Amino acid sequence: MADEIHDSTAAGTAKENIPTMSNPMDNIHGNVEDISNKASGYKATISNPNTKDSTKENAKEMLEKLGGEDAFMKNNGKGE
């Protein structure tokens, strides 16, 4: 349609100008604390008596992929 008007005002481009929050999943694999938190979640799933066996098995596999018991942050007793 040749008569179509394209709105290039701020209202017409508002969707592109909306600031977005960073995605919390962007850096999920990078830091030791994140890995330890994920490992804690898997361990909680494994020990939860209300969790299906298939879900527990998946959590065990994911925990092993993270490094098993080595995936947990070590607290050296200095309050860190």
PDB file of N, CA and C in Angstrom:
ATOM      1  N   MET A   1       0.827  -1.179   0.000  1.00  0.00           N
ATOM      2  CA  MET A   1       0.000   0.000   0.000  1.00  0.00           C
ATOM      3  C   MET A   1       0.875   1.248   0.000  1.00  0.00           C
ATOM      4  N   ALA A   2       0.799   1.967  -1.047  1.00  0.00           N
ATOM      5  CA  ALA A   2       1.621   3.156  -1.202  1.00  0.00           C
ATOM      6  C   ALA A   2       1.212   4.265  -0.250  1.00  0.00           C
ATOM      7  N   ASP A   3      -0.060   4.299   0.151  1.00  0.00           N
ATOM      8  CA  ASP A   3      -0.548   5.352   1.023  1.00  0.00           C
ATOM      9  C   ASP A   3      -0.286   5.074   2.499  1.00  0.00           C
ATOM     10  N   GLU A   4       0.340   3.958   2.807  1.00  0.00           N
ATOM     11  CA  GLU A   4       0.587   3.590   4.201  1.00  0.00           C
ATOM     12  C   GLU A   4       1.577   4.557   4.839  1.00  0.00           C
ATOM     13  N   ILE A   5       1.241   5.018   6.051  1.00  0.00           N
ATOM     14  CA  ILE A   5       2.104   5.960   6.763  1.00  0.00           C
ATOM     15  C   ILE A   5       2.909   5.186   7.800  1.00  0.00           C
ATOM     16  N   HIS A   6       4.202   5.403   7.808  1.00  0.00           N
ATOM     17  CA  HIS A   6       5.085   4.773   8.788  1.00  0.00           C
ATOM     18  C   HIS A   6       5.389   5.773   9.887  1.00  0.00           C
ATOM     19  N   ASP A   7       5.028   5.444  11.088  1.00  0.00           N
ATOM     20  CA  ASP A   7       5.225   6.323  12.226  1.00  0.00           C
ATOM     21  C   ASP A   7       6.635   6.134  12.764  1.00  0.00           C
ATOM     22  N   SER A   8       7.472   7.151  12.642  1.00  0.00           N
ATOM     23  CA  SER A   8       8.842   7.057  13.147  1.00  0.00           C
ATOM     24  C   SER A   8       9.028   7.873  14.418  1.00  0.00           C
ATOM     25  N   THR A   9       7.922   8.261  15.026  1.00  0.00           N
ATOM     26  CA  THR A   9       8.012   9.010  16.282  1.00  0.00           C
ATOM     27  C   THR A   9       8.380   8.065  17.418  1.00  0.00           C
ATOM     28  N   ALA A  10       8.610   8.621  18.587  1.00  0.00           N
ATOM     29  CA  ALA A  10       8.956   7.805  19.749  1.00  0.00           C
ATOM     30  C   ALA A  10       7.871   6.783  20.040  1.00  0.00           C
ATOM     31  N   ALA A  11       6.612   7.177  19.858  1.00  0.00           N
ATOM     32  CA  ALA A  11       5.521   6.235  20.103  1.00  0.00           C
ATOM     33  C   ALA A  11       5.569   5.072  19.131  1.00  0.00           C
ATOM     34  N   GLY A  12       6.001   5.352  17.929  1.00  0.00           N
ATOM     35  CA  GLY A  12       6.082   4.292  16.928  1.00  0.00           C
ATOM     36  C   GLY A  12       7.228   3.338  17.168  1.00  0.00           C
ATOM     37  N   THR A  13       8.233   3.766  17.892  1.00  0.00           N
ATOM     38  CA  THR A  13       9.401   2.921  18.130  1.00  0.00           C
ATOM     39  C   THR A  13       9.576   2.589  19.607  1.00  0.00           C
ATOM     40  N   ALA A  14       8.545   2.805  20.386  1.00  0.00           N
ATOM     41  CA  ALA A  14       8.648   2.611  21.833  1.00  0.00           C
ATOM     42  C   ALA A  14       9.085   1.212  22.196  1.00  0.00           C
ATOM     43  N   LYS A  15       8.604   0.225  21.458  1.00  0.00           N
ATOM     44  CA  LYS A  15       8.964  -1.152  21.776  1.00  0.00           C
ATOM     45  C   LYS A  15      10.476  -1.367  21.711  1.00  0.00           C
ATOM     46  N   GLU A  16      11.109  -0.742  20.750  1.00  0.00           N
ATOM     47  CA  GLU A  16      12.556  -0.898  20.594  1.00  0.00           C
ATOM     48  C   GLU A  16      13.334  -0.122  21.644  1.00  0.00           C
ATOM     49  N   ASN A  17      12.703   0.909  22.230  1.00  0.00           N
ATOM     50  CA  ASN A  17      13.399   1.774  23.175  1.00  0.00           C
ATOM     51  C   ASN A  17      13.209   1.385  24.635  1.00  0.00           C
ATOM     52  N   ILE A  18      12.435   0.364  24.895  1.00  0.00           N
ATOM     53  CA  ILE A  18      12.180  -0.041  26.272  1.00  0.00           C
ATOM     54  C   ILE A  18      13.446  -0.676  26.847  1.00  0.00           C
ATOM     55  N   PRO A  19      13.940  -0.148  27.955  1.00  0.00           N
ATOM     56  CA  PRO A  19      15.124  -0.780  28.556  1.00  0.00           C
ATOM     57  C   PRO A  19      14.752  -2.165  29.076  1.00  0.00           C
ATOM     58  N   THR A  20      15.640  -3.093  28.893  1.00  0.00           N
ATOM     59  CA  THR A  20      15.369  -4.455  29.341  1.00  0.00           C
ATOM     60  C   THR A  20      16.275  -4.805  30.509  1.00  0.00           C
ATOM     61  N   MET A  21      15.787  -5.693  31.354  1.00  0.00           N
ATOM     62  CA  MET A  21      16.591  -6.178  32.468  1.00  0.00           C
ATOM     63  C   MET A  21      17.519  -7.259  31.932  1.00  0.00           C
ATOM     64  N   SER A  22      18.644  -7.417  32.525  1.00  0.00           N
ATOM     65  CA  SER A  22      19.546  -8.472  32.087  1.00  0.00           C
ATOM     66  C   SER A  22      18.922  -9.821  32.416  1.00  0.00           C
ATOM     67  N   ASN A  23      19.204 -10.774  31.603  1.00  0.00           N
ATOM     68  CA  ASN A  23      18.682 -12.122  31.782  1.00  0.00           C
ATOM     69  C   ASN A  23      19.510 -12.828  32.852  1.00  0.00           C
ATOM     70  N   PRO A  24      18.899 -13.273  33.942  1.00  0.00           N
ATOM     71  CA  PRO A  24      19.672 -13.932  35.002  1.00  0.00           C
ATOM     72  C   PRO A  24      20.312 -15.235  34.537  1.00  0.00           C
ATOM     73  N   MET A  25      19.868 -15.779  33.409  1.00  0.00           N
ATOM     74  CA  MET A  25      20.437 -17.024  32.905  1.00  0.00           C
ATOM     75  C   MET A  25      21.698 -16.781  32.069  1.00  0.00           C
ATOM     76  N   ASP A  26      22.004 -15.512  31.752  1.00  0.00           N
ATOM     77  CA  ASP A  26      23.146 -15.203  30.897  1.00  0.00           C
ATOM     78  C   ASP A  26      24.475 -15.686  31.468  1.00  0.00           C
ATOM     79  N   ASN A  27      24.668 -15.597  32.767  1.00  0.00           N
ATOM     80  CA  ASN A  27      25.948 -15.946  33.372  1.00  0.00           C
ATOM     81  C   ASN A  27      25.789 -17.092  34.365  1.00  0.00           C
ATOM     82  N   ILE A  28      24.852 -17.983  34.102  1.00  0.00           N
ATOM     83  CA  ILE A  28      24.522 -19.016  35.075  1.00  0.00           C
ATOM     84  C   ILE A  28      25.635 -20.051  35.238  1.00  0.00           C
ATOM     85  N   HIS A  29      26.457 -20.222  34.238  1.00  0.00           N
ATOM     86  CA  HIS A  29      27.483 -21.263  34.312  1.00  0.00           C
ATOM     87  C   HIS A  29      28.844 -20.731  34.727  1.00  0.00           C
ATOM     88  N   GLY A  30      28.975 -19.416  34.857  1.00  0.00           N
ATOM     89  CA  GLY A  30      30.285 -18.852  35.026  1.00  0.00           C
ATOM     90  C   GLY A  30      30.864 -18.821  36.407  1.00  0.00           C
ATOM     91  N   ASN A  31      30.074 -18.619  37.433  1.00  0.00           N
ATOM     92  CA  ASN A  31      30.746 -18.377  38.694  1.00  0.00           C
ATOM     93  C   ASN A  31      30.497 -19.495  39.704  1.00  0.00           C
ATOM     94  N   VAL A  32      31.426 -19.646  40.603  1.00  0.00           N
ATOM     95  CA  VAL A  32      31.437 -20.740  41.566  1.00  0.00           C
ATOM     96  C   VAL A  32      30.190 -20.732  42.444  1.00  0.00           C
ATOM     97  N   GLU A  33      29.748 -19.552  42.833  1.00  0.00           N
ATOM     98  CA  GLU A  33      28.566 -19.458  43.683  1.00  0.00           C
ATOM     99  C   GLU A  33      27.320 -19.965  42.948  1.00  0.00           C
ATOM    100  N   ASP A  34      27.192 -19.620  41.670  1.00  0.00           N
ATOM    101  CA  ASP A  34      26.054 -20.098  40.883  1.00  0.00           C
ATOM    102  C   ASP A  34      26.061 -21.622  40.776  1.00  0.00           C
ATOM    103  N   ILE A  35      27.216 -22.178  40.520  1.00  0.00           N
ATOM    104  CA  ILE A  35      27.339 -23.635  40.406  1.00  0.00           C
ATOM    105  C   ILE A  35      26.988 -24.293  41.731  1.00  0.00           C
ATOM    106  N   SER A  36      27.469 -23.728  42.820  1.00  0.00           N
ATOM    107  CA  SER A  36      27.179 -24.270  44.140  1.00  0.00           C
ATOM    108  C   SER A  36      25.682 -24.185  44.453  1.00  0.00           C
ATOM    109  N   ASN A  37      25.051 -23.082  44.066  1.00  0.00           N
ATOM    110  CA  ASN A  37      23.613 -22.935  44.288  1.00  0.00           C
ATOM    111  C   ASN A  37      22.814 -23.960  43.485  1.00  0.00           C
ATOM    112  N   LYS A  38      23.234 -24.185  42.243  1.00  0.00           N
ATOM    113  CA  LYS A  38      22.556 -25.195  41.427  1.00  0.00           C
ATOM    114  C   LYS A  38      22.729 -26.573  42.056  1.00  0.00           C
ATOM    115  N   ALA A  39      23.935 -26.875  42.506  1.00  0.00           N
ATOM    116  CA  ALA A  39      24.210 -28.166  43.134  1.00  0.00           C
ATOM    117  C   ALA A  39      23.353 -28.345  44.383  1.00  0.00           C
ATOM    118  N   SER A  40      23.189 -27.279  45.153  1.00  0.00           N
ATOM    119  CA  SER A  40      22.345 -27.344  46.354  1.00  0.00           C
ATOM    120  C   SER A  40      20.899 -27.661  45.994  1.00  0.00           C
ATOM    121  N   GLY A  41      20.429 -27.061  44.917  1.00  0.00           N
ATOM    122  CA  GLY A  41      19.069 -27.333  44.464  1.00  0.00           C
ATOM    123  C   GLY A  41      18.883 -28.771  44.041  1.00  0.00           C
ATOM    124  N   TYR A  42      19.861 -29.311  43.309  1.00  0.00           N
ATOM    125  CA  TYR A  42      19.787 -30.718  42.890  1.00  0.00           C
ATOM    126  C   TYR A  42      19.828 -31.644  44.103  1.00  0.00           C
ATOM    127  N   LYS A  43      20.681 -31.314  45.072  1.00  0.00           N
ATOM    128  CA  LYS A  43      20.781 -32.148  46.268  1.00  0.00           C
ATOM    129  C   LYS A  43      19.469 -32.115  47.055  1.00  0.00           C
ATOM    130  N   ALA A  44      18.837 -30.958  47.126  1.00  0.00           N
ATOM    131  CA  ALA A  44      17.547 -30.849  47.810  1.00  0.00           C
ATOM    132  C   ALA A  44      16.486 -31.676  47.089  1.00  0.00           C
ATOM    133  N   THR A  45      16.519 -31.660  45.765  1.00  0.00           N
ATOM    134  CA  THR A  45      15.574 -32.453  44.981  1.00  0.00           C
ATOM    135  C   THR A  45      15.762 -33.936  45.252  1.00  0.00           C
ATOM    136  N   ILE A  46      17.010 -34.369  45.303  1.00  0.00           N
ATOM    137  CA  ILE A  46      17.318 -35.786  45.547  1.00  0.00           C
ATOM    138  C   ILE A  46      16.817 -36.224  46.920  1.00  0.00           C
ATOM    139  N   SER A  47      16.922 -35.369  47.914  1.00  0.00           N
ATOM    140  CA  SER A  47      16.551 -35.758  49.278  1.00  0.00           C
ATOM    141  C   SER A  47      15.079 -35.512  49.612  1.00  0.00           C
ATOM    142  N   ASN A  48      14.335 -34.893  48.704  1.00  0.00           N
ATOM    143  CA  ASN A  48      12.930 -34.584  48.957  1.00  0.00           C
ATOM    144  C   ASN A  48      12.072 -35.841  48.769  1.00  0.00           C
ATOM    145  N   PRO A  49      11.398 -36.315  49.814  1.00  0.00           N
ATOM    146  CA  PRO A  49      10.595 -37.540  49.698  1.00  0.00           C
ATOM    147  C   PRO A  49       9.371 -37.382  48.793  1.00  0.00           C
ATOM    148  N   ASN A  50       8.987 -36.153  48.468  1.00  0.00           N
ATOM    149  CA  ASN A  50       7.828 -35.912  47.608  1.00  0.00           C
ATOM    150  C   ASN A  50       8.187 -35.821  46.126  1.00  0.00           C
ATOM    151  N   THR A  51       9.445 -36.027  45.801  1.00  0.00           N
ATOM    152  CA  THR A  51       9.901 -35.927  44.424  1.00  0.00           C
ATOM    153  C   THR A  51       9.838 -37.291  43.748  1.00  0.00           C
ATOM    154  N   LYS A  52       9.397 -37.297  42.478  1.00  0.00           N
ATOM    155  CA  LYS A  52       9.325 -38.539  41.706  1.00  0.00           C
ATOM    156  C   LYS A  52      10.722 -39.133  41.543  1.00  0.00           C
ATOM    157  N   ASP A  53      10.785 -40.456  41.451  1.00  0.00           N
ATOM    158  CA  ASP A  53      12.073 -41.134  41.269  1.00  0.00           C
ATOM    159  C   ASP A  53      12.766 -40.687  39.983  1.00  0.00           C
ATOM    160  N   SER A  54      11.994 -40.491  38.913  1.00  0.00           N
ATOM    161  CA  SER A  54      12.597 -40.068  37.639  1.00  0.00           C
ATOM    162  C   SER A  54      13.220 -38.678  37.764  1.00  0.00           C
ATOM    163  N   THR A  55      12.592 -37.821  38.542  1.00  0.00           N
ATOM    164  CA  THR A  55      13.131 -36.475  38.759  1.00  0.00           C
ATOM    165  C   THR A  55      14.388 -36.542  39.617  1.00  0.00           C
ATOM    166  N   LYS A  56      14.376 -37.425  40.610  1.00  0.00           N
ATOM    167  CA  LYS A  56      15.572 -37.605  41.442  1.00  0.00           C
ATOM    168  C   LYS A  56      16.739 -38.115  40.613  1.00  0.00           C
ATOM    169  N   GLU A  57      16.466 -39.047  39.701  1.00  0.00           N
ATOM    170  CA  GLU A  57      17.532 -39.576  38.837  1.00  0.00           C
ATOM    171  C   GLU A  57      18.112 -38.466  37.966  1.00  0.00           C
ATOM    172  N   ASN A  58      17.234 -37.633  37.417  1.00  0.00           N
ATOM    173  CA  ASN A  58      17.705 -36.517  36.602  1.00  0.00           C
ATOM    174  C   ASN A  58      18.559 -35.567  37.441  1.00  0.00           C
ATOM    175  N   ALA A  59      18.131 -35.283  38.656  1.00  0.00           N
ATOM    176  CA  ALA A  59      18.893 -34.393  39.542  1.00  0.00           C
ATOM    177  C   ALA A  59      20.265 -34.998  39.865  1.00  0.00           C
ATOM    178  N   LYS A  60      20.316 -36.331  40.061  1.00  0.00           N
ATOM    179  CA  LYS A  60      21.608 -36.985  40.322  1.00  0.00           C
ATOM    180  C   LYS A  60      22.547 -36.821  39.130  1.00  0.00           C
ATOM    181  N   GLU A  61      22.002 -37.002  37.922  1.00  0.00           N
ATOM    182  CA  GLU A  61      22.816 -36.851  36.710  1.00  0.00           C
ATOM    183  C   GLU A  61      23.321 -35.417  36.565  1.00  0.00           C
ATOM    184  N   MET A  62      22.446 -34.448  36.814  1.00  0.00           N
ATOM    185  CA  MET A  62      22.845 -33.047  36.695  1.00  0.00           C
ATOM    186  C   MET A  62      23.887 -32.677  37.753  1.00  0.00           C
ATOM    187  N   LEU A  63      23.727 -33.205  38.955  1.00  0.00           N
ATOM    188  CA  LEU A  63      24.702 -32.946  40.013  1.00  0.00           C
ATOM    189  C   LEU A  63      26.068 -33.516  39.629  1.00  0.00           C
ATOM    190  N   GLU A  64      26.076 -34.698  39.060  1.00  0.00           N
ATOM    191  CA  GLU A  64      27.349 -35.294  38.614  1.00  0.00           C
ATOM    192  C   GLU A  64      27.989 -34.463  37.507  1.00  0.00           C
ATOM    193  N   LYS A  65      27.179 -33.925  36.592  1.00  0.00           N
ATOM    194  CA  LYS A  65      27.714 -33.075  35.518  1.00  0.00           C
ATOM    195  C   LYS A  65      28.359 -31.812  36.080  1.00  0.00           C
ATOM    196  N   LEU A  66      27.827 -31.342  37.208  1.00  0.00           N
ATOM    197  CA  LEU A  66      28.404 -30.155  37.845  1.00  0.00           C
ATOM    198  C   LEU A  66      29.674 -30.476  38.621  1.00  0.00           C
ATOM    199  N   GLY A  67      29.928 -31.766  38.872  1.00  0.00           N
ATOM    200  CA  GLY A  67      31.130 -32.154  39.599  1.00  0.00           C
ATOM    201  C   GLY A  67      30.849 -32.876  40.897  1.00  0.00           C
ATOM    202  N   GLY A  68      29.603 -33.288  41.105  1.00  0.00           N
ATOM    203  CA  GLY A  68      29.263 -34.018  42.331  1.00  0.00           C
ATOM    204  C   GLY A  68      29.490 -33.165  43.560  1.00  0.00           C
ATOM    205  N   GLU A  69      30.042 -33.762  44.586  1.00  0.00           N
ATOM    206  CA  GLU A  69      30.290 -33.044  45.848  1.00  0.00           C
ATOM    207  C   GLU A  69      31.294 -31.902  45.669  1.00  0.00           C
ATOM    208  N   ASP A  70      32.127 -31.977  44.644  1.00  0.00           N
ATOM    209  CA  ASP A  70      33.104 -30.911  44.397  1.00  0.00           C
ATOM    210  C   ASP A  70      32.453 -29.641  43.844  1.00  0.00           C
ATOM    211  N   ALA A  71      31.167 -29.722  43.472  1.00  0.00           N
ATOM    212  CA  ALA A  71      30.474 -28.556  42.921  1.00  0.00           C
ATOM    213  C   ALA A  71      30.102 -27.548  44.003  1.00  0.00           C
ATOM    214  N   PHE A  72      30.147 -27.960  45.259  1.00  0.00           N
ATOM    215  CA  PHE A  72      29.755 -27.072  46.349  1.00  0.00           C
ATOM    216  C   PHE A  72      30.905 -26.162  46.744  1.00  0.00           C
ATOM    217  N   MET A  73      30.568 -24.884  47.025  1.00  0.00           N
ATOM    218  CA  MET A  73      31.588 -23.951  47.501  1.00  0.00           C
ATOM    219  C   MET A  73      32.100 -24.427  48.841  1.00  0.00           C
ATOM    220  N   LYS A  74      33.355 -24.298  49.034  1.00  0.00           N
ATOM    221  CA  LYS A  74      33.960 -24.695  50.308  1.00  0.00           C
ATOM    222  C   LYS A  74      34.030 -23.466  51.211  1.00  0.00           C
ATOM    223  N   ASN A  75      33.470 -23.572  52.396  1.00  0.00           N
ATOM    224  CA  ASN A  75      33.564 -22.498  53.375  1.00  0.00           C
ATOM    225  C   ASN A  75      34.808 -22.776  54.206  1.00  0.00           C
ATOM    226  N   ASN A  76      35.748 -21.885  54.123  1.00  0.00           N
ATOM    227  CA  ASN A  76      37.012 -22.103  54.822  1.00  0.00           C
ATOM    228  C   ASN A  76      37.004 -21.615  56.251  1.00  0.00           C
ATOM    229  N   GLY A  77      35.830 -21.300  56.788  1.00  0.00           N
ATOM    230  CA  GLY A  77      35.728 -20.904  58.178  1.00  0.00           C
ATOM    231  C   GLY A  77      36.053 -19.457  58.447  1.00  0.00           C
ATOM    232  N   LYS A  78      36.283 -18.669  57.417  1.00  0.00           N
ATOM    233  CA  LYS A  78      36.618 -17.263  57.590  1.00  0.00           C
ATOM    234  C   LYS A  78      35.426 -16.351  57.373  1.00  0.00           C
ATOM    235  N   GLY A  79      34.218 -16.934  57.280  1.00  0.00           N
ATOM    236  CA  GLY A  79      33.024 -16.133  57.113  1.00  0.00           C
ATOM    237  C   GLY A  79      32.843 -15.579  55.716  1.00  0.00           C
ATOM    238  N   GLU A  80      33.493 -16.179  54.754  1.00  0.00           N
ATOM    239  CA  GLU A  80      33.373 -15.693  53.378  1.00  0.00           C
ATOM    240  C   GLU A  80      32.187 -16.284  52.683  1.00  0.00           C
TER     241      GLU A  80
END
